[in-house]
C-alpha atoms as a PDB file:
ATOM      1  CA  MET A   1    -113.477 -50.748  -4.905  1.00  0.00           C
ATOM      2  CA  ALA A   2    -113.782 -47.245  -6.316  1.00  0.00           C
ATOM      3  CA  PHE A   3    -111.781 -44.929  -8.558  1.00  0.00           C
ATOM      4  CA  ALA A   4    -111.603 -41.271  -9.504  1.00  0.00           C
ATOM      5  CA  LEU A   5    -110.443 -39.656 -12.732  1.00  0.00           C
ATOM      6  CA  LYS A   6    -107.839 -36.900 -12.505  1.00  0.00           C
ATOM      7  CA  ASP A   7    -105.313 -35.065 -14.653  1.00  0.00           C
ATOM      8  CA  ILE A   8    -101.656 -35.557 -13.737  1.00  0.00           C
ATOM      9  CA  LEU A   9     -98.184 -34.979 -15.126  1.00  0.00           C
ATOM     10  CA  LEU A  10     -96.362 -37.987 -16.573  1.00  0.00           C
ATOM     11  CA  SER A  11     -92.867 -37.394 -17.989  1.00  0.00           C
ATOM     12  CA  GLY A  12     -93.800 -33.720 -18.056  1.00  0.00           C
ATOM     13  CA  SER A  13     -96.921 -34.222 -20.195  1.00  0.00           C
ATOM     14  CA  PRO A  14    -100.566 -33.829 -19.116  1.00  0.00           C
ATOM     15  CA  THR A  15    -102.160 -37.265 -18.735  1.00  0.00           C
ATOM     16  CA  ARG A  16    -105.619 -38.447 -17.694  1.00  0.00           C
ATOM     17  CA  ALA A  17    -105.301 -41.052 -14.944  1.00  0.00           C
ATOM     18  CA  ALA A  18    -107.639 -43.108 -12.794  1.00  0.00           C
ATOM     19  CA  TYR A  19    -106.786 -43.432  -9.103  1.00  0.00           C
ATOM     20  CA  PHE A  20    -108.246 -46.560  -7.478  1.00  0.00           C
ATOM     21  CA  TYR A  21    -108.910 -46.916  -3.772  1.00  0.00           C
ATOM     22  CA  ASP A  22    -110.820 -48.973  -1.176  1.00  0.00           C
ATOM     23  CA  LEU A  23    -109.891 -52.295  -2.759  1.00  0.00           C
ATOM     24  CA  ARG A  24    -111.296 -54.535  -0.050  1.00  0.00           C
ATOM     25  CA  ALA A  25    -113.742 -57.350   0.750  1.00  0.00           C
ATOM     26  CA  ALA A  26    -115.965 -58.150   3.732  1.00  0.00           C
ATOM     27  CA  PRO A  27    -114.493 -60.797   6.097  1.00  0.00           C
ATOM     28  CA  ASP A  28    -117.292 -63.295   5.338  1.00  0.00           C
ATOM     29  CA  TYR A  29    -116.533 -62.995   1.611  1.00  0.00           C
ATOM     30  CA  ARG A  30    -112.814 -63.626   1.788  1.00  0.00           C
ATOM     31  CA  GLY A  31    -113.113 -67.263   0.798  1.00  0.00           C
ATOM     32  CA  SER A  32    -113.635 -66.101  -2.792  1.00  0.00           C
ATOM     33  CA  MET A  33    -112.038 -62.691  -2.338  1.00  0.00           C
ATOM     34  CA  LYS A  34    -109.454 -62.988  -5.079  1.00  0.00           C
ATOM     35  CA  ARG A  35    -112.010 -63.865  -7.728  1.00  0.00           C
ATOM     36  CA  GLY A  36    -114.491 -61.202  -6.571  1.00  0.00           C
ATOM     37  CA  LEU A  37    -111.897 -58.446  -6.268  1.00  0.00           C
ATOM     38  CA  TYR A  38    -110.475 -59.297  -9.666  1.00  0.00           C
ATOM     39  CA  ARG A  39    -113.934 -58.891 -11.220  1.00  0.00           C
ATOM     40  CA  LEU A  40    -114.234 -55.515  -9.496  1.00  0.00           C
ATOM     41  CA  TRP A  41    -110.798 -54.550 -10.793  1.00  0.00           C
ATOM     42  CA  LYS A  42    -111.690 -55.396 -14.402  1.00  0.00           C
ATOM     43  CA  ALA A  43    -115.023 -53.568 -14.183  1.00  0.00           C
ATOM     44  CA  ALA A  44    -113.348 -50.447 -12.734  1.00  0.00           C
ATOM     45  CA  GLU A  45    -110.609 -50.597 -15.366  1.00  0.00           C
ATOM     46  CA  GLU A  46    -113.177 -50.715 -18.168  1.00  0.00           C
ATOM     47  CA  GLU A  47    -114.981 -47.687 -16.724  1.00  0.00           C
ATOM     48  CA  ALA A  48    -111.667 -45.839 -16.360  1.00  0.00           C
ATOM     49  CA  ILE A  49    -110.759 -46.519 -19.993  1.00  0.00           C
ATOM     50  CA  ALA A  50    -114.197 -45.269 -21.048  1.00  0.00           C
ATOM     51  CA  GLY A  51    -113.428 -42.082 -19.105  1.00  0.00           C
ATOM     52  CA  GLY A  52    -110.220 -41.552 -21.074  1.00  0.00           C
ATOM     53  CA  ALA A  53    -107.713 -42.799 -18.495  1.00  0.00           C
ATOM     54  CA  ALA A  54    -104.275 -43.655 -19.867  1.00  0.00           C
ATOM     55  CA  LEU A  55    -103.017 -44.863 -16.489  1.00  0.00           C
ATOM     56  CA  PHE A  56    -104.605 -46.835 -13.641  1.00  0.00           C
ATOM     57  CA  TYR A  57    -102.912 -46.515 -10.241  1.00  0.00           C
ATOM     58  CA  GLY A  58    -103.441 -46.722  -6.514  1.00  0.00           C
ATOM     59  CA  PHE A  59    -101.857 -47.610  -3.186  1.00  0.00           C
ATOM     60  CA  VAL A  60    -101.794 -51.024  -1.520  1.00  0.00           C
ATOM     61  CA  LYS A  61    -100.437 -51.743   1.947  1.00  0.00           C
ATOM     62  CA  GLU A  62     -97.161 -53.629   1.680  1.00  0.00           C
ATOM     63  CA  ASP A  63     -98.338 -56.527   3.863  1.00  0.00           C
ATOM     64  CA  ASN A  64    -101.706 -56.885   2.085  1.00  0.00           C
ATOM     65  CA  SER A  65    -100.632 -59.839  -0.018  1.00  0.00           C
ATOM     66  CA  ALA A  66    -104.161 -60.617  -1.278  1.00  0.00           C
ATOM     67  CA  SER A  67    -104.717 -57.138  -2.749  1.00  0.00           C
ATOM     68  CA  LEU A  68    -101.184 -57.053  -4.142  1.00  0.00           C
ATOM     69  CA  ARG A  69    -101.855 -60.336  -5.964  1.00  0.00           C
ATOM     70  CA  VAL A  70    -105.133 -58.969  -7.362  1.00  0.00           C
ATOM     71  CA  THR A  71    -103.512 -55.793  -8.705  1.00  0.00           C
ATOM     72  CA  ALA A  72    -100.584 -57.766 -10.129  1.00  0.00           C
ATOM     73  CA  LYS A  73    -102.968 -60.181 -11.827  1.00  0.00           C
ATOM     74  CA  GLY A  74    -104.741 -57.151 -13.271  1.00  0.00           C
ATOM     75  CA  GLY A  75    -101.469 -56.015 -14.854  1.00  0.00           C
ATOM     76  CA  ALA A  76    -100.256 -53.448 -12.307  1.00  0.00           C
ATOM     77  CA  SER A  77     -96.612 -53.146 -11.251  1.00  0.00           C
ATOM     78  CA  PRO A  78     -95.057 -51.566  -8.129  1.00  0.00           C
ATOM     79  CA  VAL A  79     -93.272 -48.327  -9.028  1.00  0.00           C
ATOM     80  CA  GLY A  80     -92.624 -46.813  -5.614  1.00  0.00           C
ATOM     81  CA  THR A  81     -93.051 -47.153  -1.852  1.00  0.00           C
ATOM     82  CA  PHE A  82     -94.203 -44.468   0.529  1.00  0.00           C
ATOM     83  CA  GLY A  83     -94.484 -44.440   4.279  1.00  0.00           C
ATOM     84  CA  ILE A  84     -97.042 -43.120   6.734  1.00  0.00           C
ATOM     85  CA  LEU A  85     -95.516 -42.302  10.099  1.00  0.00           C
ATOM     86  CA  SER A  86     -98.191 -42.127  12.825  1.00  0.00           C
ATOM     87  CA  LEU A  87     -97.295 -39.935  15.794  1.00  0.00           C
ATOM     88  CA  SER A  88     -99.082 -38.960  18.975  1.00  0.00           C
ATOM     89  CA  SER A  89     -99.548 -35.293  19.762  1.00  0.00           C
ATOM     90  CA  LEU A  90     -97.465 -34.099  22.707  1.00  0.00           C
ATOM     91  CA  PRO A  91     -98.685 -31.564  25.282  1.00  0.00           C
ATOM     92  CA  ARG A  92     -96.237 -28.819  26.141  1.00  0.00           C
ATOM     93  CA  ARG A  93     -96.610 -25.357  27.600  1.00  0.00           C
ATOM     94  CA  GLU A  94     -95.070 -23.113  24.960  1.00  0.00           C
ATOM     95  CA  SER A  95     -96.053 -20.412  22.510  1.00  0.00           C
ATOM     96  CA  PRO A  96     -97.641 -22.159  19.513  1.00  0.00           C
ATOM     97  CA  LEU A  97     -95.627 -22.138  16.306  1.00  0.00           C
ATOM     98  CA  PRO A  98     -97.617 -20.018  13.814  1.00  0.00           C
ATOM     99  CA  PRO A  99     -98.158 -21.082  10.194  1.00  0.00           C
ATOM    100  CA  LEU A 100     -97.119 -18.939   7.271  1.00  0.00           C
ATOM    101  CA  ALA A 101     -99.044 -15.688   7.106  1.00  0.00           C
ATOM    102  CA  GLU A 102    -101.624 -15.118   4.373  1.00  0.00           C
ATOM    103  CA  GLY A 103     -99.187 -13.259   2.157  1.00  0.00           C
ATOM    104  CA  GLU A 104     -96.501 -15.939   2.577  1.00  0.00           C
ATOM    105  CA  ILE A 105     -98.643 -18.925   1.540  1.00  0.00           C
ATOM    106  CA  PRO A 106     -97.911 -18.501  -2.201  1.00  0.00           C
ATOM    107  CA  LEU A 107     -94.193 -18.708  -1.377  1.00  0.00           C
ATOM    108  CA  GLY A 108     -94.759 -21.953   0.518  1.00  0.00           C
ATOM    109  CA  ILE A 109     -96.707 -23.404  -2.408  1.00  0.00           C
ATOM    110  CA  GLN A 110     -93.973 -22.262  -4.793  1.00  0.00           C
ATOM    111  CA  ALA A 111     -91.429 -24.168  -2.690  1.00  0.00           C
ATOM    112  CA  VAL A 112     -93.540 -27.325  -3.109  1.00  0.00           C
ATOM    113  CA  GLU A 113     -93.795 -26.760  -6.867  1.00  0.00           C
ATOM    114  CA  GLU A 114     -90.029 -26.333  -7.196  1.00  0.00           C
ATOM    115  CA  ALA A 115     -89.264 -29.402  -5.067  1.00  0.00           C
ATOM    116  CA  SER A 116     -91.719 -31.591  -7.017  1.00  0.00           C
ATOM    117  CA  ALA A 117     -90.807 -30.373 -10.498  1.00  0.00           C
ATOM    118  CA  GLY A 118     -90.416 -33.405 -12.767  1.00  0.00           C
ATOM    119  CA  HIS A 119     -92.235 -35.754 -10.371  1.00  0.00           C
ATOM    120  CA  ASP A 120     -94.699 -38.112 -12.020  1.00  0.00           C
ATOM    121  CA  LEU A 121     -98.309 -38.337 -10.759  1.00  0.00           C
ATOM    122  CA  ARG A 122     -98.235 -34.689  -9.700  1.00  0.00           C
ATOM    123  CA  PRO A 123    -101.515 -32.829 -10.342  1.00  0.00           C
ATOM    124  CA  LEU A 124    -101.478 -30.414 -13.251  1.00  0.00           C
ATOM    125  CA  ASP A 125    -102.434 -27.445 -11.084  1.00  0.00           C
ATOM    126  CA  LEU A 126    -100.802 -27.854  -7.674  1.00  0.00           C
ATOM    127  CA  PRO A 127    -101.753 -24.361  -6.393  1.00  0.00           C
ATOM    128  CA  GLU A 128    -105.398 -25.223  -7.103  1.00  0.00           C
ATOM    129  CA  ILE A 129    -105.176 -28.195  -4.715  1.00  0.00           C
ATOM    130  CA  TYR A 130    -104.017 -25.846  -1.965  1.00  0.00           C
ATOM    131  CA  ARG A 131    -106.611 -23.203  -2.860  1.00  0.00           C
ATOM    132  CA  ARG A 132    -109.429 -25.735  -2.702  1.00  0.00           C
ATOM    133  CA  GLY A 133    -108.050 -27.162   0.519  1.00  0.00           C
ATOM    134  CA  ARG A 134    -108.200 -23.729   2.121  1.00  0.00           C
ATOM    135  CA  GLU A 135    -111.654 -23.048   0.691  1.00  0.00           C
ATOM    136  CA  LEU A 136    -113.084 -26.315   2.059  1.00  0.00           C
ATOM    137  CA  GLY A 137    -111.339 -25.947   5.406  1.00  0.00           C
ATOM    138  CA  TYR A 138    -109.076 -28.986   4.995  1.00  0.00           C
ATOM    139  CA  LEU A 139    -105.775 -27.107   4.765  1.00  0.00           C
ATOM    140  CA  ARG A 140    -104.854 -26.047   8.288  1.00  0.00           C
ATOM    141  CA  GLY A 141    -101.782 -24.163   7.118  1.00  0.00           C
ATOM    142  CA  ILE A 142     -98.193 -24.343   5.888  1.00  0.00           C
ATOM    143  CA  TRP A 143     -95.512 -24.379   8.562  1.00  0.00           C
ATOM    144  CA  ARG A 144     -91.871 -23.517   7.884  1.00  0.00           C
ATOM    145  CA  LEU A 145     -88.675 -23.168   9.913  1.00  0.00           C
ATOM    146  CA  GLU A 146     -85.549 -21.441   8.597  1.00  0.00           C
ATOM    147  CA  ASP A 147     -82.020 -21.215   9.952  1.00  0.00           C
ATOM    148  CA  GLY A 148     -79.488 -19.536   7.703  1.00  0.00           C
ATOM    149  CA  ARG A 149     -79.255 -21.555   4.483  1.00  0.00           C
ATOM    150  CA  SER A 150     -81.363 -24.413   5.889  1.00  0.00           C
ATOM    151  CA  PHE A 151     -85.134 -24.832   6.021  1.00  0.00           C
ATOM    152  CA  ALA A 152     -87.904 -27.336   6.690  1.00  0.00           C
ATOM    153  CA  GLN A 153     -91.543 -27.116   5.637  1.00  0.00           C
ATOM    154  CA  ALA A 154     -94.759 -29.113   5.927  1.00  0.00           C
ATOM    155  CA  SER A 155     -98.403 -28.541   5.058  1.00  0.00           C
ATOM    156  CA  VAL A 156    -101.000 -29.616   7.618  1.00  0.00           C
ATOM    157  CA  TRP A 157    -104.375 -30.972   6.516  1.00  0.00           C
ATOM    158  CA  ASP A 158    -107.173 -31.345   9.060  1.00  0.00           C
ATOM    159  CA  LEU A 159    -109.886 -33.855   8.133  1.00  0.00           C
ATOM    160  CA  SER A 160    -111.218 -34.239  11.665  1.00  0.00           C
ATOM    161  CA  HIS A 161    -114.406 -32.305  10.946  1.00  0.00           C
ATOM    162  CA  VAL A 162    -115.382 -34.835   8.248  1.00  0.00           C
ATOM    163  CA  TYR A 163    -113.736 -37.987   9.610  1.00  0.00           C
ATOM    164  CA  ARG A 164    -112.792 -39.200  13.069  1.00  0.00           C
ATOM    165  CA  GLY A 165    -111.415 -42.635  13.738  1.00  0.00           C
ATOM    166  CA  VAL A 166    -112.852 -44.618  16.635  1.00  0.00           C
ATOM    167  CA  VAL A 167    -110.776 -46.900  18.862  1.00  0.00           C
ATOM    168  CA  LEU A 168    -112.483 -50.286  18.553  1.00  0.00           C
ATOM    169  CA  ARG A 169    -110.093 -52.424  20.574  1.00  0.00           C
ATOM    170  CA  MET A 170    -107.045 -51.957  22.730  1.00  0.00           C
ATOM    171  CA  PRO A 171    -104.250 -54.468  23.477  1.00  0.00           C
ATOM    172  CA  THR A 172    -103.645 -55.130  27.143  1.00  0.00           C
ATOM    173  CA  SER A 173    -100.172 -53.579  26.859  1.00  0.00           C
ATOM    174  CA  LEU A 174    -101.624 -50.259  25.637  1.00  0.00           C
ATOM    175  CA  THR A 175    -104.348 -50.347  28.275  1.00  0.00           C
ATOM    176  CA  LEU A 176    -101.670 -50.622  30.951  1.00  0.00           C
ATOM    177  CA  LEU A 177     -99.652 -47.894  29.229  1.00  0.00           C
ATOM    178  CA  ARG A 178    -102.717 -45.632  29.222  1.00  0.00           C
ATOM    179  CA  LEU A 179    -103.156 -46.108  32.969  1.00  0.00           C
ATOM    180  CA  ALA A 180     -99.501 -45.242  33.514  1.00  0.00           C
ATOM    181  CA  LEU A 181     -99.135 -42.287  31.114  1.00  0.00           C
ATOM    182  CA  ASN A 182    -102.440 -40.473  30.970  1.00  0.00           C
ATOM    183  CA  PRO A 183    -102.388 -39.036  34.507  1.00  0.00           C
ATOM    184  CA  PHE A 184     -99.142 -37.228  33.624  1.00  0.00           C
ATOM    185  CA  ALA A 185     -99.904 -36.362  29.973  1.00  0.00           C
ATOM    186  CA  ALA A 186    -101.583 -33.075  30.866  1.00  0.00           C
ATOM    187  CA  LEU A 187     -98.483 -31.874  32.726  1.00  0.00           C
ATOM    188  CA  LEU A 188     -95.545 -33.440  30.860  1.00  0.00           C
ATOM    189  CA  PRO A 189     -94.675 -33.837  27.138  1.00  0.00           C
ATOM    190  CA  LEU A 190     -95.994 -37.406  27.080  1.00  0.00           C
ATOM    191  CA  PRO A 191     -98.401 -39.028  24.601  1.00  0.00           C
ATOM    192  CA  ARG A 192    -101.967 -39.605  25.740  1.00  0.00           C
ATOM    193  CA  VAL A 193    -103.379 -43.068  24.973  1.00  0.00           C
ATOM    194  CA  PRO A 194    -107.103 -42.988  24.017  1.00  0.00           C
ATOM    195  CA  ARG A 195    -109.774 -45.266  25.516  1.00  0.00           C
ATOM    196  CA  VAL A 196    -111.808 -47.883  23.658  1.00  0.00           C
ATOM    197  CA  GLY A 197    -114.796 -46.145  22.068  1.00  0.00           C
ATOM    198  CA  GLU A 198    -113.060 -42.759  22.003  1.00  0.00           C
ATOM    199  CA  LYS A 199    -113.042 -40.748  18.776  1.00  0.00           C
ATOM    200  CA  VAL A 200    -109.617 -39.661  17.551  1.00  0.00           C
ATOM    201  CA  ALA A 201    -109.004 -36.465  15.592  1.00  0.00           C
ATOM    202  CA  TYR A 202    -105.859 -36.255  13.490  1.00  0.00           C
ATOM    203  CA  TRP A 203    -103.748 -34.006  11.296  1.00  0.00           C
ATOM    204  CA  SER A 204    -102.045 -35.226   8.113  1.00  0.00           C
ATOM    205  CA  LEU A 205     -98.646 -33.777   7.162  1.00  0.00           C
ATOM    206  CA  PHE A 206     -97.899 -33.570   3.434  1.00  0.00           C
ATOM    207  CA  ASP A 207     -95.224 -32.056   1.210  1.00  0.00           C
ATOM    208  CA  LEU A 208     -92.450 -32.493   3.767  1.00  0.00           C
ATOM    209  CA  LEU A 209     -89.505 -30.448   2.522  1.00  0.00           C
ATOM    210  CA  ARG A 210     -86.049 -29.802   3.893  1.00  0.00           C
ATOM    211  CA  GLY A 211     -82.911 -28.258   2.486  1.00  0.00           C
ATOM    212  CA  GLY A 212     -79.500 -26.991   3.462  1.00  0.00           C
ATOM    213  CA  PRO A 213     -76.893 -28.473   5.804  1.00  0.00           C
ATOM    214  CA  ASN A 214     -79.263 -28.517   8.798  1.00  0.00           C
ATOM    215  CA  GLY A 215     -82.441 -29.416   6.919  1.00  0.00           C
ATOM    216  CA  ASP A 216     -82.906 -32.827   8.557  1.00  0.00           C
ATOM    217  CA  ALA A 217     -82.530 -31.397  12.069  1.00  0.00           C
ATOM    218  CA  LEU A 218     -84.960 -28.601  11.240  1.00  0.00           C
ATOM    219  CA  LEU A 219     -87.516 -31.101   9.938  1.00  0.00           C
ATOM    220  CA  ASP A 220     -87.254 -33.057  13.188  1.00  0.00           C
ATOM    221  CA  ARG A 221     -87.764 -29.830  15.143  1.00  0.00           C
ATOM    222  CA  LEU A 222     -90.685 -28.783  12.953  1.00  0.00           C
ATOM    223  CA  ILE A 223     -92.505 -32.093  13.422  1.00  0.00           C
ATOM    224  CA  ARG A 224     -91.948 -31.890  17.178  1.00  0.00           C
ATOM    225  CA  ARG A 225     -93.385 -28.357  17.267  1.00  0.00           C
ATOM    226  CA  LEU A 226     -96.387 -29.534  15.245  1.00  0.00           C
ATOM    227  CA  GLN A 227     -96.938 -32.345  17.764  1.00  0.00           C
ATOM    228  CA  HIS A 228     -97.131 -29.677  20.468  1.00  0.00           C
ATOM    229  CA  ARG A 229     -99.391 -27.445  18.372  1.00  0.00           C
ATOM    230  CA  ALA A 230    -101.729 -30.377  17.679  1.00  0.00           C
ATOM    231  CA  ALA A 231    -102.093 -31.140  21.382  1.00  0.00           C
ATOM    232  CA  GLN A 232    -102.953 -27.495  22.067  1.00  0.00           C
ATOM    233  CA  GLU A 233    -105.781 -27.750  19.513  1.00  0.00           C
ATOM    234  CA  GLY A 234    -107.219 -31.034  20.771  1.00  0.00           C
ATOM    235  CA  ILE A 235    -105.711 -33.242  18.046  1.00  0.00           C
ATOM    236  CA  GLN A 236    -104.601 -36.690  19.234  1.00  0.00           C
ATOM    237  CA  LEU A 237    -102.738 -38.061  16.203  1.00  0.00           C
ATOM    238  CA  LEU A 238    -100.511 -36.843  13.370  1.00  0.00           C
ATOM    239  CA  THR A 239     -99.724 -38.825  10.224  1.00  0.00           C
ATOM    240  CA  ALA A 240     -96.743 -37.839   8.066  1.00  0.00           C
ATOM    241  CA  PHE A 241     -96.675 -38.979   4.401  1.00  0.00           C
ATOM    242  CA  SER A 242     -93.588 -39.267   2.216  1.00  0.00           C
ATOM    243  CA  TYR A 243     -92.064 -41.411  -0.518  1.00  0.00           C
ATOM    244  CA  LEU A 244     -89.207 -43.490   0.833  1.00  0.00           C
ATOM    245  CA  GLU A 245     -87.050 -43.637  -2.301  1.00  0.00           C
ATOM    246  CA  PRO A 246     -84.657 -40.783  -3.152  1.00  0.00           C
ATOM    247  CA  PRO A 247     -85.215 -37.920  -3.648  1.00  0.00           C
ATOM    248  CA  GLY A 248     -88.153 -38.292  -1.247  1.00  0.00           C
ATOM    249  CA  THR A 249     -87.879 -36.698   2.176  1.00  0.00           C
ATOM    250  CA  PRO A 250     -86.925 -39.414   4.685  1.00  0.00           C
ATOM    251  CA  LEU A 251     -89.384 -39.731   7.555  1.00  0.00           C
ATOM    252  CA  PRO A 252     -87.644 -39.184  10.902  1.00  0.00           C
ATOM    253  CA  ARG A 253     -87.262 -42.481  12.777  1.00  0.00           C
ATOM    254  CA  ARG A 254     -86.179 -41.128  16.136  1.00  0.00           C
ATOM    255  CA  PHE A 255     -89.812 -40.348  16.904  1.00  0.00           C
ATOM    256  CA  LEU A 256     -91.924 -42.833  18.836  1.00  0.00           C
ATOM    257  CA  GLY A 257     -94.435 -43.825  16.188  1.00  0.00           C
ATOM    258  CA  LYS A 258     -95.578 -46.550  13.812  1.00  0.00           C
ATOM    259  CA  LEU A 259     -94.419 -46.598  10.188  1.00  0.00           C
ATOM    260  CA  LEU A 260     -96.779 -48.144   7.633  1.00  0.00           C
ATOM    261  CA  ARG A 261     -95.500 -48.867   4.143  1.00  0.00           C
ATOM    262  CA  TYR A 262     -97.581 -48.758   0.960  1.00  0.00           C
ATOM    263  CA  ARG A 263     -96.724 -49.682  -2.623  1.00  0.00           C
ATOM    264  CA  THR A 264     -97.830 -47.542  -5.533  1.00  0.00           C
ATOM    265  CA  MET A 265     -99.277 -49.989  -8.055  1.00  0.00           C
ATOM    266  CA  VAL A 266     -99.602 -48.751 -11.641  1.00  0.00           C
ATOM    267  CA  LYS A 267    -101.128 -50.319 -14.733  1.00  0.00           C
ATOM    268  CA  PRO A 268    -100.310 -48.523 -17.994  1.00  0.00           C
ATOM    269  CA  ILE A 269    -103.240 -48.382 -20.405  1.00  0.00           C
ATOM    270  CA  ALA A 270    -102.167 -45.916 -23.065  1.00  0.00           C
ATOM    271  CA  ALA A 271     -99.149 -44.426 -21.316  1.00  0.00           C
ATOM    272  CA  PRO A 272     -95.783 -45.752 -20.095  1.00  0.00           C
ATOM    273  CA  LEU A 273     -95.019 -46.642 -16.493  1.00  0.00           C
ATOM    274  CA  PRO A 274     -93.738 -43.716 -14.397  1.00  0.00           C
ATOM    275  CA  GLU A 275     -89.947 -43.727 -14.324  1.00  0.00           C
ATOM    276  CA  GLY A 276     -88.995 -40.658 -12.347  1.00  0.00           C
ATOM    277  CA  PRO A 277     -89.621 -39.735  -8.712  1.00  0.00           C
ATOM    278  CA  LEU A 278     -93.285 -39.755  -7.721  1.00  0.00           C
ATOM    279  CA  TYR A 279     -95.477 -37.117  -6.115  1.00  0.00           C
ATOM    280  CA  LEU A 280     -97.870 -38.066  -3.303  1.00  0.00           C
ATOM    281  CA  ASP A 281    -101.139 -36.176  -3.862  1.00  0.00           C
ATOM    282  CA  VAL A 282    -103.027 -35.302  -0.685  1.00  0.00           C
ATOM    283  CA  ARG A 283    -106.278 -36.171  -2.482  1.00  0.00           C
ATOM    284  CA  ASP A 284    -105.058 -39.723  -3.093  1.00  0.00           C
ATOM    285  CA  ALA A 285    -103.754 -40.522   0.372  1.00  0.00           C
END
């Protein structure tokens, strides 16, 4: 288990928080996992308090009952649920959709600021997150589609140069699907199934926004275009992040992909529980 201190907005006020992550135990230690993880939790909480944290929070997978019990025993409560929609890139011969130009990026960031105004857990300086992302090479760009009074927007973060997942095992069904699909994936808009041992590069989509009467349709179209753009750049997987409660942007379900659900677990130390809509910080997820 680890945690990081950060400054966030809570009910509109600056608040020091501690974000916990990697709450896990080795398989051969799971016989006493609950006791061991709880000790880790208490030790991390004490360090967070010493660092001035007024709030202790993190994300736990919805079906991870052991970790949910540990965080609940530690005094944390679920305050929101977000989803991660995993999508394959899709090859297609078309002109790539360009991101916002250099001079338009501040307008894209401003749109995120306006949409997330009043959201708890939002970083104090949102433009700084984007500036640092560009500086470190993580932010691939901001993409936006507009049609009259409607729009859709997403920021793309590329962590493939610092992290690549490796396929460790493959169900027989996917192995058969790979044999059937992969010969055609280079010619048709079909997903390519990786082999066991293959490294997988991925893009993460954050700050999904849509507005206007055709906003949902534009968001669907934007994600589809990003699937094509990813394939053109050698990316195999896209993950889209969004809170599932209103006013969060609903993740499109017509896409062929897997939806994972996570609970945001929060323990108040010297601050109240978040009550309003929540912001999903790219640094946390």
